[in-house]
Protein backbone atom coordinates (compact mmCIF):
# COMPACT_ATOMS: atom_id res chain seq x y z
CA MET A 1 -10.75 -12.96 37.27
CA THR A 2 -10.46 -15.59 34.54
CA THR A 3 -11.86 -18.99 35.50
CA THR A 4 -10.68 -22.19 33.85
CA ALA A 5 -11.30 -25.91 34.10
CA GLN A 6 -9.09 -27.84 36.48
CA THR A 7 -6.73 -30.69 35.72
CA HIS A 8 -4.81 -32.93 38.09
CA ARG A 9 -1.97 -33.85 35.73
CA PRO A 10 1.10 -31.63 35.15
CA ASP A 11 0.70 -31.67 31.36
CA PHE A 12 2.28 -28.80 29.46
CA LEU A 13 0.82 -27.54 26.21
CA SER A 14 3.09 -27.03 23.21
CA GLY A 15 2.68 -25.04 20.03
CA ASP A 16 4.60 -27.66 18.05
CA GLU A 17 1.43 -29.56 17.24
CA TYR A 18 -0.56 -26.57 16.04
CA SER A 19 -0.30 -24.80 12.70
CA ILE A 20 -2.65 -22.28 11.10
CA PRO A 21 -3.49 -23.13 7.46
CA THR A 22 -3.15 -20.64 4.59
CA TYR A 23 -6.37 -19.59 2.88
CA ALA A 24 -6.04 -19.59 -0.92
CA VAL A 25 -8.50 -19.14 -3.77
CA LEU A 26 -6.60 -18.45 -6.99
CA SER A 27 -4.02 -20.71 -8.65
CA GLN A 28 -1.07 -19.22 -10.50
CA ASP A 29 -2.68 -20.09 -13.84
CA GLY A 30 -5.67 -17.89 -13.04
CA THR A 31 -8.11 -20.70 -12.17
CA LEU A 32 -9.76 -21.30 -8.81
CA HIS A 33 -8.44 -24.01 -6.53
CA ASP A 34 -10.70 -27.07 -6.27
CA GLY A 35 -13.42 -26.33 -3.77
CA ALA A 36 -12.52 -22.66 -3.51
CA GLU A 37 -15.12 -19.94 -3.87
CA GLY A 38 -14.11 -16.55 -5.16
CA PRO A 39 -15.42 -13.25 -3.77
CA ASP A 40 -18.40 -11.45 -5.25
CA LEU A 41 -16.25 -9.06 -7.26
CA GLU A 42 -17.79 -7.00 -10.05
CA ARG A 43 -15.91 -6.28 -13.27
CA ASP A 44 -15.37 -2.56 -12.64
CA LYS A 45 -13.97 -3.11 -9.17
CA ALA A 46 -11.76 -5.97 -10.33
CA LEU A 47 -10.29 -3.74 -13.05
CA ARG A 48 -9.81 -0.91 -10.54
CA ILE A 49 -7.80 -3.28 -8.36
CA TYR A 50 -5.74 -4.51 -11.29
CA HIS A 51 -5.06 -1.00 -12.56
CA ALA A 52 -3.76 0.00 -9.13
CA MET A 53 -1.53 -3.09 -9.00
CA VAL A 54 0.02 -2.40 -12.39
CA ALA A 55 0.34 1.34 -11.68
CA THR A 56 2.18 0.59 -8.44
CA ARG A 57 4.59 -1.77 -10.21
CA VAL A 58 5.31 0.76 -12.96
CA LEU A 59 5.79 3.57 -10.44
CA ASP A 60 8.18 1.43 -8.41
CA GLU A 61 10.27 0.42 -11.42
CA ARG A 62 10.61 3.98 -12.69
CA MET A 63 11.36 5.55 -9.33
CA MET A 64 13.97 2.97 -8.41
CA ALA A 65 15.65 3.78 -11.72
CA ALA A 66 15.41 7.49 -10.90
CA GLN A 67 17.09 6.86 -7.55
CA ARG A 68 19.92 5.01 -9.26
CA GLN A 69 20.33 7.98 -11.60
CA GLY A 70 20.75 10.31 -8.64
CA ARG A 71 17.45 12.11 -9.27
CA LEU A 72 15.90 10.80 -6.04
CA SER A 73 17.55 10.25 -2.68
CA PHE A 74 15.67 7.14 -1.50
CA TYR A 75 12.92 4.74 -2.51
CA MET A 76 11.12 1.58 -1.33
CA GLN A 77 9.26 -0.78 -3.63
CA CYS A 78 6.07 -2.78 -3.14
CA THR A 79 7.10 -5.27 -5.84
CA GLY A 80 5.69 -8.73 -5.19
CA GLU A 81 3.33 -7.55 -2.46
CA GLU A 82 0.78 -5.70 -4.59
CA ALA A 83 -1.99 -8.26 -4.08
CA ALA A 84 -1.63 -8.17 -0.30
CA VAL A 85 -1.77 -4.39 -0.10
CA ILE A 86 -4.26 -3.52 -2.82
CA GLY A 87 -6.50 -6.54 -2.39
CA SER A 88 -7.00 -5.66 1.27
CA ALA A 89 -7.50 -1.94 0.67
CA ALA A 90 -10.15 -2.72 -1.94
CA ALA A 91 -12.22 -4.67 0.60
CA LEU A 92 -12.56 -1.62 2.83
CA ASP A 93 -14.88 1.35 2.77
CA ASP A 94 -13.00 4.26 1.20
CA ALA A 95 -13.61 6.22 4.42
CA ASP A 96 -11.90 3.61 6.61
CA MET A 97 -8.57 4.76 7.99
CA ILE A 98 -5.37 3.29 6.62
CA MET A 99 -2.22 3.35 8.73
CA ALA A 100 0.70 2.16 6.68
CA GLN A 101 4.24 1.13 7.45
CA TYR A 102 6.19 2.25 4.36
CA ARG A 103 5.49 -0.19 1.53
CA GLU A 104 1.77 0.37 1.00
CA GLN A 105 1.74 2.94 -1.80
CA GLY A 106 -0.60 0.58 -3.64
CA ALA A 107 -3.38 1.33 -1.17
CA LEU A 108 -3.04 5.02 -1.98
CA ALA A 109 -2.99 4.28 -5.72
CA TYR A 110 -6.20 2.28 -5.33
CA ARG A 111 -7.92 5.16 -3.55
CA GLY A 112 -6.99 7.61 -6.28
CA PHE A 113 -3.71 9.21 -5.21
CA SER A 114 -2.36 10.59 -8.49
CA PHE A 115 1.13 10.23 -9.92
CA ASP A 116 1.48 13.99 -9.42
CA GLU A 117 0.77 13.58 -5.70
CA PHE A 118 3.25 10.73 -5.42
CA MET A 119 5.94 12.70 -7.24
CA ASN A 120 5.41 15.90 -5.27
CA GLN A 121 6.11 14.00 -2.06
CA LEU A 122 9.06 12.06 -3.48
CA PHE A 123 10.77 15.24 -4.64
CA GLY A 124 9.63 17.33 -1.66
CA ASN A 125 8.56 20.26 -3.84
CA GLU A 126 6.23 23.14 -3.06
CA LEU A 127 3.13 21.01 -3.76
CA ASP A 128 4.13 18.25 -1.35
CA TYR A 129 1.46 17.87 1.33
CA GLY A 130 4.25 17.35 3.87
CA LYS A 131 6.00 20.57 2.74
CA GLY A 132 9.27 18.78 2.08
CA ARG A 133 9.74 17.84 5.73
CA GLN A 134 9.78 14.07 5.23
CA MET A 135 12.11 11.79 3.32
CA PRO A 136 10.69 10.15 0.17
CA ILE A 137 7.88 7.52 0.40
CA HIS A 138 6.41 9.10 3.56
CA TYR A 139 3.05 9.75 1.96
CA GLY A 140 -0.14 10.91 3.60
CA SER A 141 -3.56 12.09 2.49
CA ARG A 142 -6.30 13.49 4.68
CA LYS A 143 -8.88 13.34 1.89
CA LEU A 144 -8.12 9.65 1.23
CA HIS A 145 -8.02 8.70 4.93
CA TYR A 146 -4.39 7.60 4.79
CA MET A 147 -2.38 8.56 7.84
CA THR A 148 1.01 10.10 7.05
CA ILE A 149 3.79 7.52 7.28
CA SER A 150 6.47 7.93 9.93
CA SER A 151 9.84 6.19 9.97
CA PRO A 152 9.98 4.61 13.46
CA LEU A 153 9.05 0.95 13.15
CA ALA A 154 5.70 -0.27 14.51
CA THR A 155 4.55 3.00 16.09
CA GLN A 156 1.50 2.98 13.81
CA ILE A 157 0.20 -0.27 15.34
CA PRO A 158 -0.91 1.02 18.78
CA GLN A 159 -1.93 4.29 17.12
CA ALA A 160 -4.31 2.27 14.94
CA THR A 161 -5.89 0.67 17.98
CA GLY A 162 -6.47 4.08 19.55
CA TYR A 163 -7.88 5.52 16.35
CA ALA A 164 -10.19 2.53 15.87
CA TYR A 165 -11.45 2.88 19.44
CA GLY A 166 -12.34 6.46 18.59
CA GLN A 167 -14.23 5.23 15.53
CA LYS A 168 -16.15 2.84 17.75
CA LEU A 169 -17.15 5.67 20.06
CA ALA A 170 -18.17 7.82 17.07
CA GLY A 171 -20.49 5.05 15.91
CA GLU A 172 -20.13 5.78 12.19
CA GLY A 173 -19.58 2.18 11.10
CA LEU A 174 -15.93 2.60 10.12
CA CYS A 175 -12.74 0.75 11.00
CA THR A 176 -8.97 1.10 10.76
CA ILE A 177 -6.54 -1.17 8.98
CA VAL A 178 -2.88 -1.08 9.97
CA TYR A 179 -0.13 -2.60 7.85
CA PHE A 180 3.22 -3.86 9.10
CA GLY A 181 5.82 -6.48 8.29
CA GLU A 182 6.61 -9.60 10.28
CA GLY A 183 9.75 -7.84 11.54
CA ALA A 184 7.64 -5.06 13.06
CA ALA A 185 5.59 -7.75 14.81
CA SER A 186 8.67 -8.37 16.97
CA GLU A 187 8.37 -4.88 18.45
CA GLY A 188 6.69 -4.39 21.81
CA ASP A 189 4.22 -1.98 20.20
CA PHE A 190 2.67 -4.92 18.36
CA HIS A 191 1.74 -6.76 21.55
CA ALA A 192 0.53 -3.64 23.35
CA ALA A 193 -1.70 -2.82 20.39
CA LEU A 194 -3.26 -6.29 20.13
CA ASN A 195 -3.94 -6.48 23.84
CA MET A 196 -5.54 -3.05 23.95
CA ALA A 197 -7.67 -3.82 20.87
CA ALA A 198 -8.87 -7.10 22.33
CA VAL A 199 -9.69 -5.66 25.75
CA HIS A 200 -11.52 -2.60 24.38
CA GLU A 201 -13.01 -4.40 21.37
CA ALA A 202 -11.71 -1.87 18.88
CA PRO A 203 -12.71 -2.23 15.20
CA VAL A 204 -9.18 -2.62 13.86
CA ILE A 205 -7.67 -4.99 11.29
CA PHE A 206 -4.02 -5.82 11.92
CA PHE A 207 -2.57 -6.72 8.54
CA CYS A 208 0.84 -8.38 8.66
CA ARG A 209 2.74 -8.64 5.39
CA ASN A 210 4.96 -11.63 6.09
CA ASN A 211 7.34 -11.18 3.17
CA GLY A 212 10.04 -13.45 4.51
CA TYR A 213 12.62 -10.89 5.59
CA ALA A 214 13.03 -8.09 8.12
CA ILE A 215 15.54 -6.28 5.91
CA SER A 216 18.19 -9.04 5.79
CA THR A 217 16.96 -11.22 8.66
CA PRO A 218 14.91 -14.22 7.45
CA SER A 219 11.70 -15.01 9.29
CA VAL A 220 13.10 -18.33 10.57
CA GLU A 221 15.61 -16.31 12.61
CA GLN A 222 12.98 -13.91 13.93
CA PHE A 223 10.66 -16.29 15.75
CA ALA A 224 10.31 -19.98 16.57
CA ALA A 225 6.51 -20.06 16.41
CA ASP A 226 4.37 -20.81 13.37
CA GLY A 227 4.66 -17.30 11.98
CA VAL A 228 2.78 -14.31 13.37
CA ALA A 229 -0.82 -15.55 13.15
CA PRO A 230 -0.85 -17.75 16.29
CA ARG A 231 -0.09 -14.74 18.47
CA ALA A 232 -3.66 -13.53 18.00
CA LEU A 233 -4.95 -16.55 19.87
CA GLY A 234 -3.18 -15.39 23.02
CA TYR A 235 -5.34 -12.27 22.90
CA ARG A 236 -8.57 -14.15 22.06
CA MET A 237 -8.61 -12.43 18.70
CA HIS A 238 -9.97 -13.63 15.36
CA VAL A 239 -7.18 -14.54 12.97
CA ILE A 240 -6.66 -15.83 9.44
CA ARG A 241 -3.57 -16.64 7.39
CA VAL A 242 -3.90 -15.97 3.67
CA ASP A 243 -1.88 -16.42 0.49
CA GLY A 244 -0.64 -12.85 0.09
CA ASN A 245 -0.03 -13.27 -3.64
CA ASP A 246 -3.65 -14.29 -4.21
CA VAL A 247 -5.63 -11.08 -4.62
CA LEU A 248 -9.00 -12.86 -4.44
CA ALA A 249 -8.15 -14.61 -1.18
CA VAL A 250 -6.82 -11.39 0.34
CA TYR A 251 -9.91 -9.47 -0.76
CA ARG A 252 -12.34 -12.03 0.63
CA ALA A 253 -10.48 -12.45 3.92
CA THR A 254 -10.33 -8.68 4.47
CA GLU A 255 -13.98 -8.31 3.52
CA LYS A 256 -14.94 -10.78 6.26
CA ALA A 257 -12.49 -9.19 8.69
CA ARG A 258 -14.13 -5.80 8.14
CA ARG A 259 -17.56 -7.22 8.94
CA LEU A 260 -16.23 -8.65 12.20
CA ALA A 261 -14.58 -5.34 13.06
CA VAL A 262 -17.46 -3.02 12.20
CA GLU A 263 -20.52 -5.12 12.99
CA GLU A 264 -19.22 -6.97 16.05
CA ASN A 265 -16.39 -4.71 17.26
CA LYS A 266 -13.95 -7.61 16.96
CA PRO A 267 -10.31 -6.84 16.19
CA VAL A 268 -8.81 -9.17 13.59
CA LEU A 269 -5.29 -10.24 12.64
CA ILE A 270 -4.54 -11.17 9.03
CA GLU A 271 -1.17 -12.66 8.16
CA ALA A 272 -0.50 -12.47 4.42
CA MET A 273 2.20 -14.88 3.28
CA THR A 274 4.03 -13.12 0.46
CA TYR A 275 7.53 -12.21 -0.68
CA ARG A 276 9.49 -9.01 -1.18
CA LEU A 277 10.81 -9.42 -4.73
CA ALA A 278 12.71 -6.13 -4.57
CA ALA A 279 15.41 -5.01 -2.19
CA HIS A 280 14.29 -3.77 1.22
CA SER A 281 15.03 -0.25 0.00
CA SER A 282 17.26 1.52 -2.48
CA SER A 283 20.01 1.26 0.15
CA ASP A 284 19.86 -2.54 0.32
CA ASP A 285 21.48 -5.32 -1.72
CA PRO A 286 19.52 -8.57 -1.20
CA SER A 287 22.12 -10.68 -3.01
CA GLY A 288 24.08 -10.70 0.23
CA TYR A 289 21.45 -12.67 2.15
CA ARG A 290 19.27 -14.60 -0.30
CA SER A 291 19.76 -16.55 -3.51
CA ARG A 292 18.68 -15.79 -7.05
CA LYS A 293 17.08 -19.25 -7.14
CA GLU A 294 14.83 -18.29 -4.23
CA GLU A 295 13.86 -15.02 -5.88
CA ASP A 296 13.09 -16.75 -9.18
CA ALA A 297 10.86 -19.27 -7.43
CA TRP A 298 8.78 -16.42 -6.01
CA ARG A 299 8.88 -14.47 -9.26
CA ALA A 300 6.97 -17.37 -10.78
CA LYS A 301 4.21 -16.60 -8.24
CA ASP A 302 3.88 -12.99 -9.39
CA PRO A 303 0.55 -11.69 -8.02
CA ILE A 304 -0.02 -9.34 -10.95
CA ARG A 305 0.35 -12.04 -13.55
CA ARG A 306 -1.96 -14.29 -11.54
CA MET A 307 -4.71 -11.69 -11.52
CA GLN A 308 -4.17 -10.88 -15.18
CA LEU A 309 -4.80 -14.50 -16.12
CA TRP A 310 -7.94 -14.58 -13.98
CA LEU A 311 -9.26 -11.39 -15.60
CA GLU A 312 -8.62 -12.83 -19.06
CA ALA A 313 -10.48 -16.01 -18.09
CA GLN A 314 -13.48 -13.85 -17.13
CA GLY A 315 -13.36 -12.13 -20.51
CA TRP A 316 -12.59 -8.81 -18.77
CA TRP A 317 -9.05 -8.25 -20.06
CA SER A 318 -6.82 -8.93 -23.06
CA GLU A 319 -3.17 -8.82 -24.08
CA ASP A 320 -3.84 -5.74 -26.22
CA GLU A 321 -5.37 -3.92 -23.26
CA GLU A 322 -2.42 -4.98 -21.13
CA LYS A 323 0.10 -3.49 -23.55
CA ALA A 324 -1.90 -0.28 -23.87
CA LEU A 325 -2.11 0.09 -20.08
CA GLN A 326 1.61 -0.52 -19.59
CA ASP A 327 2.52 2.01 -22.28
CA GLU A 328 0.11 4.61 -20.91
CA LEU A 329 1.32 4.26 -17.32
CA ARG A 330 5.02 4.40 -18.22
CA ARG A 331 4.46 7.55 -20.28
CA GLU A 332 2.42 9.16 -17.51
CA VAL A 333 5.01 8.37 -14.82
CA LEU A 334 7.85 9.86 -16.87
CA GLU A 335 5.91 13.01 -17.74
CA THR A 336 4.79 13.48 -14.15
CA MET A 337 8.31 13.01 -12.81
CA LYS A 338 9.66 15.68 -15.14
CA ARG A 339 7.02 18.12 -13.91
CA ALA A 340 7.70 17.37 -10.26
CA GLU A 341 11.46 17.77 -10.65
CA LYS A 342 11.02 21.27 -12.06
CA ARG A 343 8.84 22.53 -9.26
CA PRO A 344 10.67 24.59 -6.63
CA PRO A 345 10.97 23.56 -2.99
CA PRO A 346 8.52 24.86 -0.40
CA ALA A 347 9.15 28.43 0.73
CA ILE A 348 11.35 28.60 3.81
CA ASP A 349 8.52 30.18 5.83
CA THR A 350 6.58 26.90 5.64
CA MET A 351 9.09 25.38 8.07
CA VAL A 352 7.41 27.22 10.94
CA THR A 353 4.00 28.44 9.81
CA ASP A 354 1.99 25.49 11.12
CA VAL A 355 4.02 24.19 14.03
CA TYR A 356 1.73 26.20 16.34
CA ALA A 357 -1.45 28.14 15.65
CA ASP A 358 0.72 31.27 15.54
CA VAL A 359 4.44 31.48 14.90
CA THR A 360 6.14 31.88 18.27
CA PRO A 361 8.84 34.55 18.84
CA ALA A 362 11.47 31.82 19.23
CA LEU A 363 10.57 30.21 15.91
CA GLN A 364 10.45 33.59 14.17
CA HIS A 365 13.91 34.40 15.52
CA GLN A 366 15.26 31.10 14.19
CA LEU A 367 13.61 31.64 10.81
CA ASP A 368 15.07 35.15 10.50
CA ALA A 369 18.52 33.82 11.37
CA LEU A 370 18.17 31.08 8.75
CA LYS A 371 17.16 33.54 6.05
CA GLN A 372 20.11 35.77 6.92
CA HIS A 373 22.45 32.78 6.66
CA VAL A 374 21.07 31.71 3.27
CA ARG A 375 21.40 35.26 1.90
CA ARG A 376 24.97 35.41 3.15
CA TYR A 377 25.94 32.13 1.42
CA PRO A 378 23.62 31.89 -1.61
CA GLU A 379 26.10 29.77 -3.56
CA ALA A 380 25.70 27.00 -0.99
CA TYR A 381 21.88 27.09 -1.17
CA PRO A 382 20.91 27.66 -4.82
CA ARG A 383 17.36 26.39 -4.38
CA GLY A 384 17.04 27.64 -0.82
CA ALA A 385 17.92 31.17 -1.92
CA ARG A 386 15.09 31.14 -4.44
CA SER A 387 12.68 29.86 -1.80
CA LEU A 388 13.23 33.08 0.15
CA ASP A 389 11.29 34.88 -2.56
CA PRO A 390 8.06 33.06 -3.51
CA ALA A 391 7.61 35.17 -6.65
CA LEU A 392 11.07 34.27 -7.89
CA SER A 393 10.46 30.64 -6.98
CA HIS A 394 7.29 30.48 -9.07
CA ARG A 395 9.01 32.20 -11.98
CA ASP A 396 11.75 29.58 -11.95
CA ALA A 397 9.13 26.84 -11.94
CA ASP A 398 7.46 28.33 -15.01
CA GLN A 399 10.81 28.47 -16.80
CA GLY A 400 11.76 24.93 -15.92
CA GLY A 401 13.91 25.54 -12.82
CA ASP A 402 17.14 23.57 -12.80
């Protein structure tokens, strides 16, 4: 039972008088704030972070354009939040588990997920690790320790606590980071996860991207408290609020959070204050709920430009290198997309081959019925008909497909 000090006055406590400050290191002009100390970041790692940030921005721009052209059914951008996602991922061990919400493709890019791997998933072709079963942007990679994304909001948060508890029992010195938006923090799963992590001392980092909007609902209409960070105090959890557009602050905060998680088995909550410059998804029009003036104000705080200026001040980057990188990435994205579009879909058999260890009679019956239906109406399933015959499917891929 919890014991507390006694008082003999009926005084209520209020959260109105308490606010958590925002940790910041890097100014928008690329210089350090007065009194701020940057992380111990070597040149090669800093450039790896920056490359991933720029690659993510280029990928997002090109794929949103592809969606508008009808070449892709759906897309979600990370634009404006690259520092929060990639800066935090860079502070981890590459073997730490990442559980993402749906806007953390930058973490995958940092760990080495190739444009080919991104495109295969987006187009759901035969090389997609998910075998075409998921809608676009639901990435996953076993080799990069990135749990496959699922659509239901906030389910990854308690899953992260459970996974981290398993890491603690394994004793291998690893942790889990779980990303979510401030809207997801309004789900019950959020509170269940934090309580479980605190009670069982699981090595998990809860990383909240507070980008201002839960789709079209502004944060001021989501909660009356001082953001998400104060909630950690109710669970006796370590917490920090950080400027989410400041890659150095995010990196250093996550680096310290990882030490708490791994060395002391202390769960940590990080709230990154950032802004979603893009629409919520390709199905959203933000002009209906926020102003262009607001967007422009945040565009001036672009996290990529901020890091670029810092790199130039270190003598690690130049305008010529910037132009060369942009040109190279745009060319690579376009070439990769063309390859992915031409690849055939997964063979129909892959719908059932790994649901169970062996295909059950019921599944086999359904698969046979599906194949019969596709053969009967081939004009309605031009790509599906080819997927019935793997040899034909591969031949079409070699010849350019559709």
